[in-house]
PDB file of N, CA and C in Angstrom:
ATOM      1  N   MET A   1     -16.451  11.442  20.081  1.00  0.00           N
ATOM      2  CA  MET A   1     -17.589  12.210  19.656  1.00  0.00           C
ATOM      3  C   MET A   1     -18.730  11.246  19.361  1.00  0.00           C
ATOM      4  N   ARG A   2     -19.829  11.494  19.986  1.00  0.00           N
ATOM      5  CA  ARG A   2     -20.996  10.619  19.774  1.00  0.00           C
ATOM      6  C   ARG A   2     -22.094  11.409  19.072  1.00  0.00           C
ATOM      7  N   LEU A   3     -22.580  10.850  18.007  1.00  0.00           N
ATOM      8  CA  LEU A   3     -23.662  11.468  17.252  1.00  0.00           C
ATOM      9  C   LEU A   3     -24.782  10.464  17.080  1.00  0.00           C
ATOM     10  N   ALA A   4     -25.993  10.967  17.096  1.00  0.00           N
ATOM     11  CA  ALA A   4     -27.133  10.125  16.759  1.00  0.00           C
ATOM     12  C   ALA A   4     -27.222  10.071  15.233  1.00  0.00           C
ATOM     13  N   GLN A   5     -27.797   9.009  14.703  1.00  0.00           N
ATOM     14  CA  GLN A   5     -27.895   8.863  13.253  1.00  0.00           C
ATOM     15  C   GLN A   5     -28.567  10.072  12.615  1.00  0.00           C
ATOM     16  N   LYS A   6     -29.591  10.622  13.255  1.00  0.00           N
ATOM     17  CA  LYS A   6     -30.303  11.767  12.669  1.00  0.00           C
ATOM     18  C   LYS A   6     -29.440  13.025  12.636  1.00  0.00           C
ATOM     19  N   GLU A   7     -28.327  13.044  13.364  1.00  0.00           N
ATOM     20  CA  GLU A   7     -27.424  14.190  13.361  1.00  0.00           C
ATOM     21  C   GLU A   7     -26.359  14.097  12.259  1.00  0.00           C
ATOM     22  N   VAL A   8     -26.294  12.963  11.588  1.00  0.00           N
ATOM     23  CA  VAL A   8     -25.312  12.754  10.527  1.00  0.00           C
ATOM     24  C   VAL A   8     -25.947  13.149   9.194  1.00  0.00           C
ATOM     25  N   SER A   9     -25.283  14.035   8.468  1.00  0.00           N
ATOM     26  CA  SER A   9     -25.801  14.422   7.155  1.00  0.00           C
ATOM     27  C   SER A   9     -24.774  14.063   6.085  1.00  0.00           C
ATOM     28  N   PHE A  10     -25.273  13.695   4.940  1.00  0.00           N
ATOM     29  CA  PHE A  10     -24.421  13.334   3.819  1.00  0.00           C
ATOM     30  C   PHE A  10     -24.427  14.476   2.812  1.00  0.00           C
ATOM     31  N   THR A  11     -23.250  14.878   2.375  1.00  0.00           N
ATOM     32  CA  THR A  11     -23.163  15.933   1.363  1.00  0.00           C
ATOM     33  C   THR A  11     -22.186  15.502   0.287  1.00  0.00           C
ATOM     34  N   GLY A  12     -22.647  15.502  -0.934  1.00  0.00           N
ATOM     35  CA  GLY A  12     -21.764  15.232  -2.052  1.00  0.00           C
ATOM     36  C   GLY A  12     -21.484  13.766  -2.292  1.00  0.00           C
ATOM     37  N   HIS A  13     -20.492  13.553  -3.139  1.00  0.00           N
ATOM     38  CA  HIS A  13     -20.079  12.223  -3.558  1.00  0.00           C
ATOM     39  C   HIS A  13     -18.565  12.161  -3.565  1.00  0.00           C
ATOM     40  N   ALA A  14     -18.031  10.980  -3.340  1.00  0.00           N
ATOM     41  CA  ALA A  14     -16.581  10.806  -3.342  1.00  0.00           C
ATOM     42  C   ALA A  14     -16.233   9.495  -4.026  1.00  0.00           C
ATOM     43  N   ILE A  15     -15.025   9.450  -4.562  1.00  0.00           N
ATOM     44  CA  ILE A  15     -14.511   8.222  -5.160  1.00  0.00           C
ATOM     45  C   ILE A  15     -13.036   8.109  -4.800  1.00  0.00           C
ATOM     46  N   GLU A  16     -12.592   6.885  -4.541  1.00  0.00           N
ATOM     47  CA  GLU A  16     -11.185   6.646  -4.223  1.00  0.00           C
ATOM     48  C   GLU A  16     -10.613   5.712  -5.276  1.00  0.00           C
ATOM     49  N   CYS A  17      -9.404   6.016  -5.696  1.00  0.00           N
ATOM     50  CA  CYS A  17      -8.700   5.191  -6.678  1.00  0.00           C
ATOM     51  C   CYS A  17      -7.341   4.815  -6.094  1.00  0.00           C
ATOM     52  N   ARG A  18      -7.036   3.541  -6.102  1.00  0.00           N
ATOM     53  CA  ARG A  18      -5.743   3.074  -5.599  1.00  0.00           C
ATOM     54  C   ARG A  18      -4.807   2.837  -6.785  1.00  0.00           C
ATOM     55  N   VAL A  19      -3.598   3.384  -6.697  1.00  0.00           N
ATOM     56  CA  VAL A  19      -2.594   3.215  -7.747  1.00  0.00           C
ATOM     57  C   VAL A  19      -1.551   2.239  -7.220  1.00  0.00           C
ATOM     58  N   ASN A  20      -1.427   1.104  -7.878  1.00  0.00           N
ATOM     59  CA  ASN A  20      -0.518   0.055  -7.435  1.00  0.00           C
ATOM     60  C   ASN A  20       0.524  -0.277  -8.503  1.00  0.00           C
ATOM     61  N   ALA A  21       1.694  -0.699  -8.050  1.00  0.00           N
ATOM     62  CA  ALA A  21       2.735  -1.182  -8.956  1.00  0.00           C
ATOM     63  C   ALA A  21       2.555  -2.694  -9.073  1.00  0.00           C
ATOM     64  N   GLU A  22       1.636  -3.088  -9.949  1.00  0.00           N
ATOM     65  CA  GLU A  22       1.312  -4.503 -10.136  1.00  0.00           C
ATOM     66  C   GLU A  22       1.270  -4.826 -11.618  1.00  0.00           C
ATOM     67  N   ASP A  23       1.494  -6.095 -11.924  1.00  0.00           N
ATOM     68  CA  ASP A  23       1.485  -6.553 -13.315  1.00  0.00           C
ATOM     69  C   ASP A  23       0.210  -7.363 -13.567  1.00  0.00           C
ATOM     70  N   PRO A  24      -0.751  -6.814 -14.317  1.00  0.00           N
ATOM     71  CA  PRO A  24      -1.997  -7.544 -14.559  1.00  0.00           C
ATOM     72  C   PRO A  24      -1.794  -8.814 -15.382  1.00  0.00           C
ATOM     73  N   ASP A  25      -0.707  -8.881 -16.144  1.00  0.00           N
ATOM     74  CA  ASP A  25      -0.431 -10.081 -16.939  1.00  0.00           C
ATOM     75  C   ASP A  25       0.240 -11.178 -16.119  1.00  0.00           C
ATOM     76  N   ASP A  26       0.594 -10.871 -14.870  1.00  0.00           N
ATOM     77  CA  ASP A  26       1.235 -11.847 -13.989  1.00  0.00           C
ATOM     78  C   ASP A  26       0.441 -11.981 -12.693  1.00  0.00           C
ATOM     79  N   ASP A  27      -0.887 -12.141 -12.842  1.00  0.00           N
ATOM     80  CA  ASP A  27      -1.787 -12.353 -11.704  1.00  0.00           C
ATOM     81  C   ASP A  27      -1.702 -11.200 -10.687  1.00  0.00           C
ATOM     82  N   PHE A  28      -1.457  -9.986 -11.168  1.00  0.00           N
ATOM     83  CA  PHE A  28      -1.383  -8.773 -10.342  1.00  0.00           C
ATOM     84  C   PHE A  28      -0.325  -8.868  -9.247  1.00  0.00           C
ATOM     85  N   ARG A  29       0.747  -9.558  -9.551  1.00  0.00           N
ATOM     86  CA  ARG A  29       1.861  -9.598  -8.589  1.00  0.00           C
ATOM     87  C   ARG A  29       2.569  -8.255  -8.588  1.00  0.00           C
ATOM     88  N   ALA A  30       3.242  -7.962  -7.465  1.00  0.00           N
ATOM     89  CA  ALA A  30       3.997  -6.711  -7.361  1.00  0.00           C
ATOM     90  C   ALA A  30       4.972  -6.601  -8.519  1.00  0.00           C
ATOM     91  N   SER A  31       5.092  -5.396  -9.044  1.00  0.00           N
ATOM     92  CA  SER A  31       5.955  -5.163 -10.195  1.00  0.00           C
ATOM     93  C   SER A  31       6.892  -4.005  -9.875  1.00  0.00           C
ATOM     94  N   PRO A  32       8.029  -4.313  -9.260  1.00  0.00           N
ATOM     95  CA  PRO A  32       8.963  -3.243  -8.905  1.00  0.00           C
ATOM     96  C   PRO A  32       9.518  -2.571 -10.143  1.00  0.00           C
ATOM     97  N   GLY A  33       9.943  -1.335  -9.955  1.00  0.00           N
ATOM     98  CA  GLY A  33      10.516  -0.603 -11.077  1.00  0.00           C
ATOM     99  C   GLY A  33      10.798   0.824 -10.665  1.00  0.00           C
ATOM    100  N   THR A  34      11.232   1.620 -11.616  1.00  0.00           N
ATOM    101  CA  THR A  34      11.605   3.005 -11.363  1.00  0.00           C
ATOM    102  C   THR A  34      10.482   3.950 -11.776  1.00  0.00           C
ATOM    103  N   ILE A  35      10.144   4.876 -10.896  1.00  0.00           N
ATOM    104  CA  ILE A  35       9.169   5.917 -11.216  1.00  0.00           C
ATOM    105  C   ILE A  35       9.908   7.001 -11.992  1.00  0.00           C
ATOM    106  N   THR A  36       9.479   7.241 -13.211  1.00  0.00           N
ATOM    107  CA  THR A  36      10.155   8.232 -14.048  1.00  0.00           C
ATOM    108  C   THR A  36       9.512   9.611 -13.951  1.00  0.00           C
ATOM    109  N   ALA A  37       8.237   9.671 -13.534  1.00  0.00           N
ATOM    110  CA  ALA A  37       7.552  10.956 -13.346  1.00  0.00           C
ATOM    111  C   ALA A  37       6.407  10.757 -12.372  1.00  0.00           C
ATOM    112  N   PHE A  38       6.137  11.777 -11.569  1.00  0.00           N
ATOM    113  CA  PHE A  38       5.022  11.721 -10.625  1.00  0.00           C
ATOM    114  C   PHE A  38       4.468  13.138 -10.512  1.00  0.00           C
ATOM    115  N   VAL A  39       3.267  13.343 -11.037  1.00  0.00           N
ATOM    116  CA  VAL A  39       2.644  14.669 -11.027  1.00  0.00           C
ATOM    117  C   VAL A  39       1.327  14.565 -10.273  1.00  0.00           C
ATOM    118  N   ARG A  40       1.184  15.357  -9.216  1.00  0.00           N
ATOM    119  CA  ARG A  40      -0.054  15.351  -8.439  1.00  0.00           C
ATOM    120  C   ARG A  40      -1.123  16.176  -9.148  1.00  0.00           C
ATOM    121  N   PRO A  41      -2.314  15.608  -9.351  1.00  0.00           N
ATOM    122  CA  PRO A  41      -3.390  16.376  -9.978  1.00  0.00           C
ATOM    123  C   PRO A  41      -3.932  17.434  -9.017  1.00  0.00           C
ATOM    124  N   GLU A  42      -4.376  18.557  -9.563  1.00  0.00           N
ATOM    125  CA  GLU A  42      -4.959  19.611  -8.734  1.00  0.00           C
ATOM    126  C   GLU A  42      -6.401  19.269  -8.399  1.00  0.00           C
ATOM    127  N   GLY A  43      -6.844  19.658  -7.213  1.00  0.00           N
ATOM    128  CA  GLY A  43      -8.224  19.460  -6.817  1.00  0.00           C
ATOM    129  C   GLY A  43      -8.562  18.056  -6.375  1.00  0.00           C
ATOM    130  N   VAL A  44      -7.555  17.198  -6.242  1.00  0.00           N
ATOM    131  CA  VAL A  44      -7.758  15.816  -5.827  1.00  0.00           C
ATOM    132  C   VAL A  44      -6.807  15.525  -4.675  1.00  0.00           C
ATOM    133  N   ARG A  45      -7.323  14.900  -3.629  1.00  0.00           N
ATOM    134  CA  ARG A  45      -6.450  14.518  -2.517  1.00  0.00           C
ATOM    135  C   ARG A  45      -5.604  13.320  -2.943  1.00  0.00           C
ATOM    136  N   VAL A  46      -4.301  13.410  -2.681  1.00  0.00           N
ATOM    137  CA  VAL A  46      -3.381  12.322  -3.017  1.00  0.00           C
ATOM    138  C   VAL A  46      -2.659  11.906  -1.745  1.00  0.00           C
ATOM    139  N   ASP A  47      -2.848  10.658  -1.342  1.00  0.00           N
ATOM    140  CA  ASP A  47      -2.118  10.097  -0.206  1.00  0.00           C
ATOM    141  C   ASP A  47      -1.032   9.191  -0.777  1.00  0.00           C
ATOM    142  N   SER A  48       0.228   9.556  -0.547  1.00  0.00           N
ATOM    143  CA  SER A  48       1.328   8.779  -1.106  1.00  0.00           C
ATOM    144  C   SER A  48       2.613   9.071  -0.348  1.00  0.00           C
ATOM    145  N   HIS A  49       3.515   8.129  -0.398  1.00  0.00           N
ATOM    146  CA  HIS A  49       4.850   8.355   0.156  1.00  0.00           C
ATOM    147  C   HIS A  49       5.797   8.892  -0.912  1.00  0.00           C
ATOM    148  N   ILE A  50       5.303   9.041  -2.141  1.00  0.00           N
ATOM    149  CA  ILE A  50       6.100   9.562  -3.249  1.00  0.00           C
ATOM    150  C   ILE A  50       5.892  11.075  -3.337  1.00  0.00           C
ATOM    151  N   TYR A  51       6.956  11.797  -3.580  1.00  0.00           N
ATOM    152  CA  TYR A  51       6.893  13.249  -3.736  1.00  0.00           C
ATOM    153  C   TYR A  51       7.132  13.615  -5.191  1.00  0.00           C
ATOM    154  N   ASP A  52       6.714  14.825  -5.567  1.00  0.00           N
ATOM    155  CA  ASP A  52       6.896  15.293  -6.951  1.00  0.00           C
ATOM    156  C   ASP A  52       8.359  15.236  -7.371  1.00  0.00           C
ATOM    157  N   THR A  53       9.250  15.355  -6.421  1.00  0.00           N
ATOM    158  CA  THR A  53      10.682  15.376  -6.728  1.00  0.00           C
ATOM    159  C   THR A  53      11.304  13.982  -6.717  1.00  0.00           C
ATOM    160  N   ASP A  54      10.475  12.935  -6.599  1.00  0.00           N
ATOM    161  CA  ASP A  54      10.995  11.571  -6.475  1.00  0.00           C
ATOM    162  C   ASP A  54      11.166  10.843  -7.807  1.00  0.00           C
ATOM    163  N   ALA A  55      11.272  11.553  -8.926  1.00  0.00           N
ATOM    164  CA  ALA A  55      11.547  10.862 -10.190  1.00  0.00           C
ATOM    165  C   ALA A  55      12.862  10.114 -10.001  1.00  0.00           C
ATOM    166  N   GLY A  56      12.859   8.863 -10.369  1.00  0.00           N
ATOM    167  CA  GLY A  56      14.031   8.030 -10.154  1.00  0.00           C
ATOM    168  C   GLY A  56      13.886   7.112  -8.953  1.00  0.00           C
ATOM    169  N   TYR A  57      12.805   7.302  -8.161  1.00  0.00           N
ATOM    170  CA  TYR A  57      12.543   6.434  -7.010  1.00  0.00           C
ATOM    171  C   TYR A  57      12.279   5.024  -7.513  1.00  0.00           C
ATOM    172  N   VAL A  58      12.866   4.041  -6.860  1.00  0.00           N
ATOM    173  CA  VAL A  58      12.670   2.643  -7.241  1.00  0.00           C
ATOM    174  C   VAL A  58      11.657   2.014  -6.290  1.00  0.00           C
ATOM    175  N   VAL A  59      10.577   1.483  -6.860  1.00  0.00           N
ATOM    176  CA  VAL A  59       9.564   0.773  -6.074  1.00  0.00           C
ATOM    177  C   VAL A  59      10.149  -0.590  -5.735  1.00  0.00           C
ATOM    178  N   PRO A  60      10.354  -0.873  -4.440  1.00  0.00           N
ATOM    179  CA  PRO A  60      10.980  -2.148  -4.069  1.00  0.00           C
ATOM    180  C   PRO A  60       9.994  -3.313  -4.155  1.00  0.00           C
ATOM    181  N   PRO A  61      10.475  -4.528  -4.350  1.00  0.00           N
ATOM    182  CA  PRO A  61       9.596  -5.693  -4.463  1.00  0.00           C
ATOM    183  C   PRO A  61       9.185  -6.294  -3.118  1.00  0.00           C
ATOM    184  N   TRP A  62       9.728  -5.792  -2.008  1.00  0.00           N
ATOM    185  CA  TRP A  62       9.521  -6.439  -0.712  1.00  0.00           C
ATOM    186  C   TRP A  62       8.353  -5.893   0.087  1.00  0.00           C
ATOM    187  N   TYR A  63       7.671  -4.884  -0.399  1.00  0.00           N
ATOM    188  CA  TYR A  63       6.614  -4.234   0.380  1.00  0.00           C
ATOM    189  C   TYR A  63       5.303  -4.217  -0.390  1.00  0.00           C
ATOM    190  N   ASP A  64       4.286  -3.651   0.228  1.00  0.00           N
ATOM    191  CA  ASP A  64       2.981  -3.465  -0.404  1.00  0.00           C
ATOM    192  C   ASP A  64       3.172  -2.700  -1.717  1.00  0.00           C
ATOM    193  N   SER A  65       2.459  -3.076  -2.749  1.00  0.00           N
ATOM    194  CA  SER A  65       2.619  -2.451  -4.063  1.00  0.00           C
ATOM    195  C   SER A  65       1.873  -1.121  -4.193  1.00  0.00           C
ATOM    196  N   LEU A  66       1.165  -0.696  -3.130  1.00  0.00           N
ATOM    197  CA  LEU A  66       0.417   0.560  -3.191  1.00  0.00           C
ATOM    198  C   LEU A  66       1.357   1.751  -3.321  1.00  0.00           C
ATOM    199  N   ILE A  67       1.156   2.549  -4.355  1.00  0.00           N
ATOM    200  CA  ILE A  67       1.964   3.741  -4.586  1.00  0.00           C
ATOM    201  C   ILE A  67       1.221   4.985  -4.109  1.00  0.00           C
ATOM    202  N   ALA A  68      -0.085   5.042  -4.380  1.00  0.00           N
ATOM    203  CA  ALA A  68      -0.850   6.234  -4.011  1.00  0.00           C
ATOM    204  C   ALA A  68      -2.336   5.913  -3.962  1.00  0.00           C
ATOM    205  N   LYS A  69      -3.063   6.749  -3.221  1.00  0.00           N
ATOM    206  CA  LYS A  69      -4.526   6.732  -3.240  1.00  0.00           C
ATOM    207  C   LYS A  69      -4.973   8.130  -3.642  1.00  0.00           C
ATOM    208  N   LEU A  70      -5.891   8.201  -4.596  1.00  0.00           N
ATOM    209  CA  LEU A  70      -6.462   9.472  -5.022  1.00  0.00           C
ATOM    210  C   LEU A  70      -7.903   9.512  -4.559  1.00  0.00           C
ATOM    211  N   ILE A  71      -8.297  10.608  -3.924  1.00  0.00           N
ATOM    212  CA  ILE A  71      -9.657  10.759  -3.424  1.00  0.00           C
ATOM    213  C   ILE A  71     -10.237  12.046  -3.987  1.00  0.00           C
ATOM    214  N   ALA A  72     -11.325  11.916  -4.725  1.00  0.00           N
ATOM    215  CA  ALA A  72     -11.995  13.079  -5.300  1.00  0.00           C
ATOM    216  C   ALA A  72     -13.359  13.226  -4.639  1.00  0.00           C
ATOM    217  N   HIS A  73     -13.744  14.461  -4.350  1.00  0.00           N
ATOM    218  CA  HIS A  73     -15.013  14.743  -3.689  1.00  0.00           C
ATOM    219  C   HIS A  73     -15.631  15.973  -4.321  1.00  0.00           C
ATOM    220  N   ASP A  74     -16.936  15.955  -4.457  1.00  0.00           N
ATOM    221  CA  ASP A  74     -17.648  17.133  -4.934  1.00  0.00           C
ATOM    222  C   ASP A  74     -18.990  17.194  -4.214  1.00  0.00           C
ATOM    223  N   ARG A  75     -19.530  18.384  -4.138  1.00  0.00           N
ATOM    224  CA  ARG A  75     -20.786  18.575  -3.419  1.00  0.00           C
ATOM    225  C   ARG A  75     -21.976  17.905  -4.117  1.00  0.00           C
ATOM    226  N   THR A  76     -21.912  17.771  -5.428  1.00  0.00           N
ATOM    227  CA  THR A  76     -23.004  17.151  -6.163  1.00  0.00           C
ATOM    228  C   THR A  76     -22.448  16.114  -7.127  1.00  0.00           C
ATOM    229  N   GLU A  77     -23.295  15.175  -7.489  1.00  0.00           N
ATOM    230  CA  GLU A  77     -22.897  14.188  -8.482  1.00  0.00           C
ATOM    231  C   GLU A  77     -23.209  14.743  -9.854  1.00  0.00           C
ATOM    232  N   LYS A  78     -22.198  14.953 -10.661  1.00  0.00           N
ATOM    233  CA  LYS A  78     -22.395  15.503 -12.001  1.00  0.00           C
ATOM    234  C   LYS A  78     -22.165  14.392 -13.026  1.00  0.00           C
ATOM    235  N   PRO A  79     -23.015  14.315 -14.029  1.00  0.00           N
ATOM    236  CA  PRO A  79     -22.765  13.306 -15.066  1.00  0.00           C
ATOM    237  C   PRO A  79     -21.508  13.674 -15.850  1.00  0.00           C
ATOM    238  N   PRO A  80     -20.778  12.679 -16.371  1.00  0.00           N
ATOM    239  CA  PRO A  80     -19.566  12.979 -17.154  1.00  0.00           C
ATOM    240  C   PRO A  80     -19.935  13.804 -18.387  1.00  0.00           C
ATOM    241  N   SER A  81     -19.054  14.717 -18.746  1.00  0.00           N
ATOM    242  CA  SER A  81     -19.329  15.543 -19.933  1.00  0.00           C
ATOM    243  C   SER A  81     -18.530  15.072 -21.123  1.00  0.00           C
TER     244      SER A  81
END
């Protein structure tokens, strides 16, 4: 799909948050462990290999420490209340 720049419109604002299993006190090295609860927030896109039923899942130390990405989008930028 080819679009000219003038055909591209921007609507709203978005923010992405990465959730990692890392230890900030150990130079952000991977920090394996057991997930005891995982609840997906409503109204926010969650990209993850973890499911709501995965309590007890062990994050292994041999892979990327990324657990989930949360992406929130709204049509307008609202100041925090």
